[in-house]
């Protein structure tokens, strides 16, 4: 019945597939009307299978012109169109509500280890000099002296900083400026509040 479509490759030109469909429907329609299928199949087999004409391909490939109504529909909601009064009202209410809300200030607690040069360094003076560092967004907390080794003690001091205003680099630089007392500064802990 469809011997002319049996090839080694599995891709067929569209016109051959269309002819096979036409043969199939013709055979079944003829069968339903009571005519013999053999004569119908012979008729279709003798038809010449031709590729469609180039003009038919061009017509099929050309897109149909869009209707005039399609220009009015904006699926992505462009910004250049006017907003309705309700939308403007909602945006104004949202902006007013947002401005009344308190801004959350990001803060962190930092614990620093400040090591002196030797066991003869005055730790009380070192603590006073460290606490003398003042900046906006910096609050000094508790401090204590911890033993390191061979009678040497270090100062461990905590502070609360605002993340946008004070950084750890700033603190380390300012503390290391006290060269008479401070050998090194280490960050023991850094926690967000």
N, C-alpha and C. Protein backbone atom coordinates (compact mmCIF):
# COMPACT_ATOMS: atom_id res chain seq x y z
N UNK A 1 0.82 -1.19 0.00
CA UNK A 1 0.00 0.00 0.00
C UNK A 1 0.87 1.26 0.00
N UNK A 2 1.87 1.35 0.91
CA UNK A 2 2.71 2.54 0.98
C UNK A 2 4.16 2.19 0.68
N UNK A 3 4.36 1.33 -0.29
CA UNK A 3 5.70 0.87 -0.61
C UNK A 3 6.63 2.00 -1.03
N UNK A 4 6.08 3.01 -1.66
CA UNK A 4 6.93 4.10 -2.15
C UNK A 4 7.49 4.96 -1.00
N UNK A 5 7.00 4.79 0.22
CA UNK A 5 7.49 5.56 1.36
C UNK A 5 8.51 4.79 2.19
N UNK A 6 8.76 3.54 1.88
CA UNK A 6 9.69 2.75 2.67
C UNK A 6 11.10 2.99 2.14
N UNK A 7 11.91 3.65 2.95
CA UNK A 7 13.30 3.94 2.62
C UNK A 7 14.16 3.58 3.81
N UNK A 8 15.47 3.68 3.61
CA UNK A 8 16.40 3.39 4.70
C UNK A 8 16.34 4.51 5.74
N UNK A 9 16.26 5.75 5.28
CA UNK A 9 16.22 6.86 6.24
C UNK A 9 14.83 6.98 6.85
N UNK A 10 14.78 7.64 8.00
CA UNK A 10 13.50 7.75 8.70
C UNK A 10 12.86 9.11 8.52
N UNK A 11 13.48 9.99 7.75
CA UNK A 11 12.91 11.31 7.51
C UNK A 11 12.33 11.34 6.10
N UNK A 12 11.13 11.84 6.00
CA UNK A 12 10.46 11.88 4.70
C UNK A 12 10.07 13.31 4.39
N UNK A 13 10.07 13.64 3.11
CA UNK A 13 9.59 14.96 2.72
C UNK A 13 8.11 15.11 3.05
N UNK A 14 7.71 16.32 3.35
CA UNK A 14 6.34 16.58 3.79
C UNK A 14 5.33 16.18 2.73
N UNK A 15 5.63 16.40 1.47
CA UNK A 15 4.65 16.08 0.44
C UNK A 15 4.39 14.58 0.37
N UNK A 16 5.41 13.74 0.66
CA UNK A 16 5.20 12.30 0.65
C UNK A 16 4.33 11.87 1.83
N UNK A 17 4.55 12.49 2.98
CA UNK A 17 3.74 12.17 4.16
C UNK A 17 2.31 12.60 3.92
N UNK A 18 2.12 13.77 3.31
CA UNK A 18 0.77 14.23 3.01
C UNK A 18 0.06 13.27 2.06
N UNK A 19 0.78 12.77 1.08
CA UNK A 19 0.18 11.82 0.13
C UNK A 19 -0.20 10.52 0.84
N UNK A 20 0.64 10.07 1.79
CA UNK A 20 0.32 8.86 2.54
C UNK A 20 -0.94 9.06 3.37
N UNK A 21 -1.08 10.23 3.98
CA UNK A 21 -2.29 10.52 4.75
C UNK A 21 -3.51 10.54 3.85
N UNK A 22 -3.34 11.18 2.71
CA UNK A 22 -4.45 11.26 1.76
C UNK A 22 -4.88 9.86 1.34
N UNK A 23 -3.93 8.98 1.06
CA UNK A 23 -4.23 7.60 0.68
C UNK A 23 -4.98 6.89 1.81
N UNK A 24 -4.51 7.06 2.99
CA UNK A 24 -5.12 6.41 4.15
C UNK A 24 -6.59 6.84 4.30
N UNK A 25 -6.84 8.13 4.29
CA UNK A 25 -8.21 8.61 4.47
C UNK A 25 -9.10 8.25 3.28
N UNK A 26 -8.52 8.28 2.11
CA UNK A 26 -9.31 7.92 0.93
C UNK A 26 -9.74 6.46 0.99
N UNK A 27 -8.81 5.59 1.37
CA UNK A 27 -9.11 4.16 1.45
C UNK A 27 -10.22 3.91 2.47
N UNK A 28 -10.11 4.52 3.62
CA UNK A 28 -11.12 4.27 4.65
C UNK A 28 -12.46 4.92 4.31
N UNK A 29 -12.43 6.06 3.65
CA UNK A 29 -13.70 6.67 3.22
C UNK A 29 -14.38 5.82 2.15
N UNK A 30 -13.58 5.30 1.22
CA UNK A 30 -14.14 4.44 0.17
C UNK A 30 -14.70 3.16 0.78
N UNK A 31 -14.02 2.61 1.78
CA UNK A 31 -14.45 1.40 2.43
C UNK A 31 -15.78 1.64 3.13
N UNK A 32 -15.92 2.82 3.77
CA UNK A 32 -17.16 3.14 4.45
C UNK A 32 -18.31 3.30 3.45
N UNK A 33 -18.01 3.74 2.23
CA UNK A 33 -19.06 3.92 1.22
C UNK A 33 -19.35 2.62 0.48
N UNK A 34 -18.54 1.59 0.69
CA UNK A 34 -18.82 0.29 0.10
C UNK A 34 -18.08 0.01 -1.19
N UNK A 35 -17.20 0.86 -1.66
CA UNK A 35 -16.45 0.58 -2.88
C UNK A 35 -15.25 -0.28 -2.54
N UNK A 36 -14.65 -0.85 -3.54
CA UNK A 36 -13.51 -1.74 -3.32
C UNK A 36 -12.27 -0.92 -3.00
N UNK A 37 -11.51 -1.41 -2.05
CA UNK A 37 -10.31 -0.70 -1.62
C UNK A 37 -9.15 -0.92 -2.58
N UNK A 38 -9.12 -2.04 -3.26
CA UNK A 38 -8.00 -2.33 -4.16
C UNK A 38 -7.94 -1.32 -5.29
N UNK A 39 -9.09 -0.98 -5.85
CA UNK A 39 -9.10 -0.02 -6.95
C UNK A 39 -8.68 1.36 -6.45
N UNK A 40 -9.07 1.70 -5.25
CA UNK A 40 -8.72 3.00 -4.68
C UNK A 40 -7.23 3.09 -4.43
N UNK A 41 -6.63 2.02 -3.91
CA UNK A 41 -5.20 1.99 -3.64
C UNK A 41 -4.43 2.09 -4.94
N UNK A 42 -4.90 1.40 -5.99
CA UNK A 42 -4.22 1.46 -7.29
C UNK A 42 -4.25 2.89 -7.83
N UNK A 43 -5.35 3.57 -7.66
CA UNK A 43 -5.45 4.96 -8.15
C UNK A 43 -4.44 5.86 -7.44
N UNK A 44 -4.33 5.70 -6.14
CA UNK A 44 -3.42 6.55 -5.39
C UNK A 44 -1.97 6.20 -5.72
N UNK A 45 -1.67 4.90 -5.93
CA UNK A 45 -0.31 4.50 -6.26
C UNK A 45 0.14 5.09 -7.59
N UNK A 46 -0.79 5.22 -8.52
CA UNK A 46 -0.43 5.73 -9.84
C UNK A 46 -0.28 7.25 -9.85
N UNK A 47 -0.73 7.89 -8.78
CA UNK A 47 -0.55 9.34 -8.72
C UNK A 47 0.94 9.65 -8.60
N UNK A 48 1.33 10.70 -9.24
CA UNK A 48 2.73 11.08 -9.22
C UNK A 48 3.01 11.91 -7.96
N UNK A 49 4.01 11.50 -7.20
CA UNK A 49 4.39 12.23 -5.99
C UNK A 49 5.34 13.33 -6.41
N UNK A 50 4.96 14.57 -6.19
CA UNK A 50 5.77 15.71 -6.57
C UNK A 50 6.01 16.61 -5.36
N UNK A 51 7.15 17.26 -5.40
CA UNK A 51 7.44 18.24 -4.35
C UNK A 51 6.55 19.45 -4.57
N UNK A 52 6.19 20.13 -3.52
CA UNK A 52 5.35 21.31 -3.68
C UNK A 52 6.08 22.40 -4.46
N UNK A 53 5.32 23.21 -5.12
CA UNK A 53 5.89 24.29 -5.92
C UNK A 53 6.49 25.35 -4.99
N UNK A 54 7.54 26.04 -5.45
CA UNK A 54 8.18 27.05 -4.61
C UNK A 54 7.20 28.15 -4.19
N UNK A 55 6.25 28.51 -5.00
CA UNK A 55 5.31 29.56 -4.62
C UNK A 55 4.44 29.12 -3.46
N UNK A 56 4.10 27.82 -3.41
CA UNK A 56 3.30 27.32 -2.31
C UNK A 56 4.09 27.36 -1.01
N UNK A 57 5.40 27.07 -1.10
CA UNK A 57 6.24 27.11 0.10
C UNK A 57 6.35 28.53 0.63
N UNK A 58 6.51 29.50 -0.28
CA UNK A 58 6.63 30.89 0.16
C UNK A 58 5.35 31.36 0.83
N UNK A 59 4.21 30.99 0.27
CA UNK A 59 2.95 31.40 0.85
C UNK A 59 2.77 30.80 2.25
N UNK A 60 3.21 29.57 2.41
CA UNK A 60 3.07 28.92 3.71
C UNK A 60 4.03 29.54 4.72
N UNK A 61 5.20 30.00 4.27
CA UNK A 61 6.21 30.54 5.17
C UNK A 61 5.91 31.97 5.59
N UNK A 62 5.15 32.71 4.78
CA UNK A 62 4.88 34.10 5.11
C UNK A 62 3.95 34.18 6.32
N UNK A 63 4.29 35.00 7.29
CA UNK A 63 3.40 35.15 8.44
C UNK A 63 2.17 35.96 8.07
N UNK A 64 1.11 35.65 8.72
CA UNK A 64 -0.13 36.38 8.47
C UNK A 64 -0.05 37.72 9.18
N UNK A 65 -0.58 38.78 8.59
CA UNK A 65 -0.53 40.09 9.24
C UNK A 65 -1.36 40.07 10.52
N UNK A 66 -0.84 40.76 11.54
CA UNK A 66 -1.53 40.79 12.83
C UNK A 66 -2.77 41.65 12.72
N UNK A 67 -3.75 41.29 13.46
CA UNK A 67 -5.01 42.05 13.47
C UNK A 67 -4.77 43.39 14.15
N UNK A 68 -5.60 44.33 13.86
CA UNK A 68 -5.46 45.66 14.43
C UNK A 68 -5.66 45.64 15.95
N UNK A 69 -6.40 44.69 16.44
CA UNK A 69 -6.68 44.62 17.88
C UNK A 69 -5.45 44.18 18.67
N UNK A 70 -4.52 43.48 18.04
CA UNK A 70 -3.35 42.96 18.75
C UNK A 70 -2.41 44.07 19.22
N UNK A 71 -2.46 45.24 18.57
CA UNK A 71 -1.58 46.34 18.96
C UNK A 71 -1.94 46.89 20.34
N UNK A 72 -3.18 46.77 20.74
CA UNK A 72 -3.63 47.32 22.01
C UNK A 72 -3.23 46.46 23.20
N UNK A 73 -2.95 45.20 22.97
CA UNK A 73 -2.64 44.29 24.07
C UNK A 73 -1.15 44.35 24.37
N UNK A 74 -0.81 44.66 25.61
CA UNK A 74 0.58 44.70 26.06
C UNK A 74 0.74 43.63 27.13
N UNK A 75 1.31 42.49 26.73
CA UNK A 75 1.39 41.35 27.64
C UNK A 75 2.40 41.56 28.76
N UNK A 76 3.38 42.42 28.57
CA UNK A 76 4.43 42.58 29.55
C UNK A 76 4.29 43.86 30.36
N UNK A 77 3.25 44.61 30.17
CA UNK A 77 2.98 45.79 30.98
C UNK A 77 4.06 46.84 30.90
N UNK A 78 4.21 47.48 29.76
CA UNK A 78 5.27 48.47 29.62
C UNK A 78 5.01 49.67 30.51
N UNK A 79 6.08 50.38 30.87
CA UNK A 79 6.00 51.48 31.81
C UNK A 79 5.55 52.79 31.17
N UNK A 80 5.55 52.87 29.86
CA UNK A 80 5.25 54.13 29.23
C UNK A 80 3.76 54.47 29.24
N UNK A 81 2.91 53.53 29.56
CA UNK A 81 1.49 53.82 29.63
C UNK A 81 1.16 54.45 30.98
N UNK A 82 0.07 55.19 31.00
CA UNK A 82 -0.33 55.85 32.24
C UNK A 82 -0.84 54.82 33.24
N UNK A 83 -0.55 55.06 34.50
CA UNK A 83 -1.02 54.18 35.55
C UNK A 83 -2.40 54.66 36.02
N UNK A 84 -3.17 53.71 36.45
CA UNK A 84 -4.50 54.08 36.93
C UNK A 84 -4.36 54.80 38.26
N UNK A 85 -5.39 55.51 38.64
CA UNK A 85 -5.39 56.26 39.89
C UNK A 85 -5.26 55.33 41.09
N UNK A 86 -5.87 54.16 41.00
CA UNK A 86 -5.80 53.21 42.12
C UNK A 86 -4.38 52.74 42.35
N UNK A 87 -3.65 52.45 41.28
CA UNK A 87 -2.27 52.00 41.41
C UNK A 87 -1.41 53.12 41.99
N UNK A 88 -1.62 54.34 41.55
CA UNK A 88 -0.86 55.47 42.08
C UNK A 88 -1.13 55.66 43.57
N UNK A 89 -2.38 55.48 43.96
CA UNK A 89 -2.76 55.64 45.36
C UNK A 89 -2.09 54.57 46.21
N UNK A 90 -2.09 53.33 45.73
CA UNK A 90 -1.46 52.24 46.47
C UNK A 90 0.04 52.45 46.62
N UNK A 91 0.69 52.92 45.56
CA UNK A 91 2.12 53.17 45.63
C UNK A 91 2.45 54.28 46.63
N UNK A 92 1.61 55.32 46.67
CA UNK A 92 1.83 56.41 47.62
C UNK A 92 1.65 55.92 49.05
N UNK A 93 0.63 55.09 49.29
CA UNK A 93 0.41 54.52 50.63
C UNK A 93 1.59 53.65 51.05
N UNK A 94 2.08 52.86 50.14
CA UNK A 94 3.22 51.97 50.44
C UNK A 94 4.46 52.79 50.77
N UNK A 95 4.72 53.84 50.02
CA UNK A 95 5.89 54.68 50.27
C UNK A 95 5.78 55.36 51.63
N UNK A 96 4.57 55.83 51.99
CA UNK A 96 4.38 56.48 53.28
C UNK A 96 4.58 55.48 54.42
N UNK A 97 4.07 54.28 54.25
CA UNK A 97 4.21 53.24 55.27
C UNK A 97 5.68 52.85 55.44
N UNK A 98 6.39 52.75 54.33
CA UNK A 98 7.80 52.36 54.36
C UNK A 98 8.65 53.44 55.02
N UNK A 99 8.31 54.72 54.82
CA UNK A 99 9.11 55.80 55.41
C UNK A 99 8.90 55.88 56.92
N UNK A 100 7.74 55.46 57.43
CA UNK A 100 7.48 55.48 58.86
C UNK A 100 8.21 54.36 59.59
N UNK A 101 8.52 53.30 58.88
CA UNK A 101 9.16 52.14 59.49
C UNK A 101 10.59 52.49 59.90
N UNK A 102 11.00 52.00 61.08
CA UNK A 102 12.36 52.25 61.54
C UNK A 102 13.35 51.44 60.71
N UNK A 103 14.46 52.09 60.40
CA UNK A 103 15.51 51.41 59.67
C UNK A 103 16.30 50.54 60.65
N UNK A 104 16.51 49.30 60.30
CA UNK A 104 17.27 48.39 61.15
C UNK A 104 18.75 48.63 60.90
N UNK A 105 19.47 48.91 61.98
CA UNK A 105 20.90 49.18 61.87
C UNK A 105 21.64 47.88 62.15
N UNK A 106 22.46 47.46 61.23
CA UNK A 106 23.22 46.22 61.40
C UNK A 106 24.36 46.45 62.37
N UNK A 107 24.39 45.66 63.44
CA UNK A 107 25.43 45.79 64.45
C UNK A 107 26.12 44.45 64.65
N UNK A 108 27.33 44.53 65.17
CA UNK A 108 28.11 43.33 65.45
C UNK A 108 28.84 43.49 66.77
N UNK A 109 29.06 42.36 67.44
CA UNK A 109 29.91 42.36 68.63
C UNK A 109 31.26 41.76 68.25
N UNK A 110 32.30 42.43 68.68
CA UNK A 110 33.65 41.99 68.37
C UNK A 110 34.41 41.84 69.67
N UNK A 111 35.11 40.73 69.83
CA UNK A 111 35.99 40.52 70.98
C UNK A 111 37.42 40.49 70.44
N UNK A 112 38.26 41.36 71.01
CA UNK A 112 39.64 41.51 70.54
C UNK A 112 40.62 41.05 71.61
N UNK A 113 41.67 40.40 71.17
CA UNK A 113 42.81 40.08 72.03
C UNK A 113 43.92 41.07 71.70
N UNK A 114 44.34 41.84 72.72
CA UNK A 114 45.39 42.83 72.51
C UNK A 114 46.59 42.37 73.34
N UNK A 115 47.68 42.05 72.66
CA UNK A 115 48.86 41.49 73.33
C UNK A 115 49.92 42.58 73.52
N UNK A 116 50.46 42.65 74.75
CA UNK A 116 51.51 43.64 75.02
C UNK A 116 52.88 43.14 74.59
N UNK A 117 53.90 44.01 74.70
CA UNK A 117 55.26 43.64 74.31
C UNK A 117 55.88 42.64 75.29
N UNK A 118 55.71 42.89 76.58
CA UNK A 118 56.31 42.00 77.57
C UNK A 118 55.53 42.06 78.87
N UNK A 119 56.05 41.40 79.90
CA UNK A 119 55.33 41.34 81.17
C UNK A 119 55.42 42.63 81.97
N UNK A 120 56.27 43.53 81.58
CA UNK A 120 56.43 44.80 82.27
C UNK A 120 55.55 45.91 81.71
N UNK A 121 54.81 45.64 80.64
CA UNK A 121 53.92 46.63 80.03
C UNK A 121 52.76 46.91 80.99
N UNK A 122 52.43 48.19 81.15
CA UNK A 122 51.33 48.59 82.03
C UNK A 122 50.00 48.29 81.31
N UNK A 123 49.30 47.24 81.77
CA UNK A 123 48.05 46.83 81.11
C UNK A 123 46.92 47.82 81.37
N UNK A 124 46.91 48.47 82.53
CA UNK A 124 45.87 49.46 82.83
C UNK A 124 45.98 50.65 81.87
N UNK A 125 47.20 51.10 81.62
CA UNK A 125 47.41 52.22 80.70
C UNK A 125 47.06 51.80 79.27
N UNK A 126 47.37 50.54 78.95
CA UNK A 126 47.02 50.03 77.62
C UNK A 126 45.50 50.01 77.43
N UNK A 127 44.78 49.58 78.48
CA UNK A 127 43.32 49.55 78.39
C UNK A 127 42.75 50.96 78.25
N UNK A 128 43.28 51.91 79.00
CA UNK A 128 42.81 53.31 78.91
C UNK A 128 43.05 53.87 77.51
N UNK A 129 44.22 53.56 76.95
CA UNK A 129 44.51 54.08 75.60
C UNK A 129 43.60 53.44 74.55
N UNK A 130 43.27 52.16 74.73
CA UNK A 130 42.36 51.50 73.77
C UNK A 130 40.97 52.10 73.89
N UNK A 131 40.51 52.31 75.13
CA UNK A 131 39.17 52.89 75.34
C UNK A 131 39.10 54.35 74.91
N UNK A 132 40.25 54.99 74.73
CA UNK A 132 40.26 56.39 74.29
C UNK A 132 39.88 56.52 72.81
N UNK A 133 39.87 55.41 72.11
CA UNK A 133 39.46 55.45 70.70
C UNK A 133 37.95 55.65 70.66
N UNK A 134 37.54 56.75 70.08
CA UNK A 134 36.12 57.05 69.99
C UNK A 134 35.75 57.28 68.53
N UNK A 135 34.61 56.72 68.15
CA UNK A 135 34.12 56.91 66.79
C UNK A 135 32.61 56.72 66.80
N UNK A 136 31.97 57.29 65.83
CA UNK A 136 30.52 57.15 65.72
C UNK A 136 30.21 55.70 65.36
N UNK A 137 29.38 55.04 66.17
CA UNK A 137 29.01 53.65 65.93
C UNK A 137 29.90 52.66 66.66
N UNK A 138 30.71 53.13 67.63
CA UNK A 138 31.60 52.26 68.40
C UNK A 138 31.31 52.42 69.89
N UNK A 139 31.02 51.29 70.56
CA UNK A 139 30.77 51.29 72.00
C UNK A 139 31.64 50.20 72.61
N UNK A 140 32.50 50.59 73.56
CA UNK A 140 33.38 49.63 74.22
C UNK A 140 32.61 48.90 75.30
N UNK A 141 32.93 47.62 75.50
CA UNK A 141 32.26 46.80 76.49
C UNK A 141 33.22 46.34 77.58
N UNK A 142 32.99 45.15 78.10
CA UNK A 142 33.80 44.61 79.19
C UNK A 142 35.20 44.24 78.72
N UNK A 143 36.08 44.22 79.69
CA UNK A 143 37.45 43.79 79.38
C UNK A 143 37.97 42.97 80.56
N UNK A 144 38.99 42.16 80.26
CA UNK A 144 39.63 41.37 81.31
C UNK A 144 41.06 41.05 80.87
N UNK A 145 41.86 40.71 81.87
CA UNK A 145 43.24 40.37 81.60
C UNK A 145 43.37 38.85 81.71
N UNK A 146 43.91 38.24 80.67
CA UNK A 146 44.08 36.79 80.63
C UNK A 146 45.56 36.44 80.54
N UNK A 147 46.00 35.39 81.27
CA UNK A 147 47.41 35.01 81.18
C UNK A 147 47.74 34.36 79.84
N UNK A 148 48.92 34.68 79.32
CA UNK A 148 49.38 34.10 78.06
C UNK A 148 50.43 33.04 78.37
N UNK A 149 51.59 33.48 78.92
CA UNK A 149 52.65 32.55 79.30
C UNK A 149 53.75 33.33 80.01
N UNK A 150 54.47 32.68 80.93
CA UNK A 150 55.63 33.25 81.62
C UNK A 150 55.31 34.60 82.28
N UNK A 151 54.11 34.71 82.82
CA UNK A 151 53.73 35.93 83.53
C UNK A 151 53.22 37.04 82.63
N UNK A 152 53.18 36.82 81.33
CA UNK A 152 52.66 37.82 80.39
C UNK A 152 51.14 37.66 80.32
N UNK A 153 50.46 38.79 80.39
CA UNK A 153 49.00 38.79 80.28
C UNK A 153 48.59 39.59 79.06
N UNK A 154 47.40 39.28 78.55
CA UNK A 154 46.86 40.02 77.40
C UNK A 154 45.54 40.64 77.81
N UNK A 155 45.15 41.67 77.09
CA UNK A 155 43.88 42.35 77.33
C UNK A 155 42.86 41.79 76.35
N UNK A 156 41.76 41.31 76.89
CA UNK A 156 40.64 40.87 76.02
C UNK A 156 39.51 41.84 76.26
N UNK A 157 39.09 42.53 75.20
CA UNK A 157 38.08 43.58 75.33
C UNK A 157 37.02 43.39 74.24
N UNK A 158 35.79 43.69 74.62
CA UNK A 158 34.69 43.57 73.67
C UNK A 158 34.16 44.93 73.28
N UNK A 159 33.55 44.98 72.13
CA UNK A 159 32.93 46.22 71.67
C UNK A 159 31.77 45.89 70.74
N UNK A 160 30.86 46.85 70.61
CA UNK A 160 29.73 46.74 69.69
C UNK A 160 29.92 47.81 68.63
N UNK A 161 29.84 47.41 67.37
CA UNK A 161 30.04 48.36 66.26
C UNK A 161 28.87 48.31 65.30
N UNK A 162 28.62 49.44 64.67
CA UNK A 162 27.66 49.49 63.57
C UNK A 162 28.43 49.11 62.31
N UNK A 163 27.91 48.13 61.60
CA UNK A 163 28.64 47.57 60.46
C UNK A 163 28.93 48.58 59.36
N UNK A 164 28.01 49.53 59.14
CA UNK A 164 28.20 50.49 58.06
C UNK A 164 29.25 51.55 58.40
N UNK A 165 29.49 51.78 59.70
CA UNK A 165 30.37 52.88 60.11
C UNK A 165 31.77 52.42 60.53
N UNK A 166 31.85 51.28 61.21
CA UNK A 166 33.13 50.84 61.77
C UNK A 166 33.46 49.45 61.23
N UNK A 167 34.70 49.25 60.84
CA UNK A 167 35.16 47.94 60.39
C UNK A 167 36.28 47.43 61.28
N UNK A 168 36.59 46.17 61.13
CA UNK A 168 37.66 45.58 61.95
C UNK A 168 39.03 46.17 61.59
N UNK A 169 39.22 46.51 60.33
CA UNK A 169 40.50 47.11 59.91
C UNK A 169 40.74 48.43 60.63
N UNK A 170 39.67 49.22 60.73
CA UNK A 170 39.76 50.51 61.42
C UNK A 170 40.21 50.31 62.87
N UNK A 171 39.56 49.36 63.57
CA UNK A 171 39.90 49.09 64.97
C UNK A 171 41.34 48.63 65.12
N UNK A 172 41.76 47.70 64.29
CA UNK A 172 43.12 47.18 64.38
C UNK A 172 44.16 48.27 64.14
N UNK A 173 43.92 49.12 63.15
CA UNK A 173 44.86 50.19 62.85
C UNK A 173 44.97 51.18 64.01
N UNK A 174 43.81 51.55 64.55
CA UNK A 174 43.81 52.53 65.64
C UNK A 174 44.48 51.98 66.90
N UNK A 175 44.22 50.70 67.20
CA UNK A 175 44.83 50.10 68.40
C UNK A 175 46.33 49.93 68.21
N UNK A 176 46.76 49.54 67.02
CA UNK A 176 48.19 49.33 66.75
C UNK A 176 48.98 50.64 66.74
N UNK A 177 48.29 51.79 66.71
CA UNK A 177 48.98 53.08 66.77
C UNK A 177 49.64 53.30 68.13
N UNK A 178 49.15 52.59 69.16
CA UNK A 178 49.76 52.69 70.49
C UNK A 178 50.95 51.72 70.55
N UNK A 179 52.03 52.08 69.88
CA UNK A 179 53.19 51.20 69.73
C UNK A 179 53.91 50.93 71.04
N UNK A 180 53.77 51.82 72.01
CA UNK A 180 54.46 51.63 73.29
C UNK A 180 53.86 50.45 74.06
N UNK A 181 52.58 50.21 73.87
CA UNK A 181 51.90 49.18 74.64
C UNK A 181 51.58 47.91 73.83
N UNK A 182 51.17 48.09 72.59
CA UNK A 182 50.55 47.01 71.82
C UNK A 182 51.55 46.35 70.87
N UNK A 183 51.63 45.02 70.96
CA UNK A 183 52.44 44.26 70.02
C UNK A 183 51.58 43.80 68.85
N UNK A 184 50.40 43.21 69.17
CA UNK A 184 49.52 42.72 68.10
C UNK A 184 48.07 42.72 68.58
N UNK A 185 47.18 42.66 67.60
CA UNK A 185 45.73 42.62 67.86
C UNK A 185 45.16 41.45 67.07
N UNK A 186 44.37 40.63 67.76
CA UNK A 186 43.70 39.50 67.10
C UNK A 186 42.20 39.59 67.37
N UNK A 187 41.43 39.13 66.42
CA UNK A 187 39.97 39.08 66.60
C UNK A 187 39.61 37.70 67.12
N UNK A 188 39.05 37.66 68.32
CA UNK A 188 38.66 36.39 68.93
C UNK A 188 37.31 35.95 68.40
N UNK A 189 36.35 36.87 68.36
CA UNK A 189 35.02 36.53 67.83
C UNK A 189 34.40 37.75 67.17
N UNK A 190 33.56 37.47 66.21
CA UNK A 190 32.85 38.50 65.46
C UNK A 190 31.44 37.96 65.23
N UNK A 191 30.45 38.54 65.91
CA UNK A 191 29.08 38.05 65.83
C UNK A 191 28.13 39.16 65.43
N UNK A 192 27.24 38.86 64.52
CA UNK A 192 26.20 39.80 64.11
C UNK A 192 25.11 39.83 65.18
N UNK A 193 24.60 41.01 65.44
CA UNK A 193 23.50 41.13 66.42
C UNK A 193 22.18 41.13 65.67
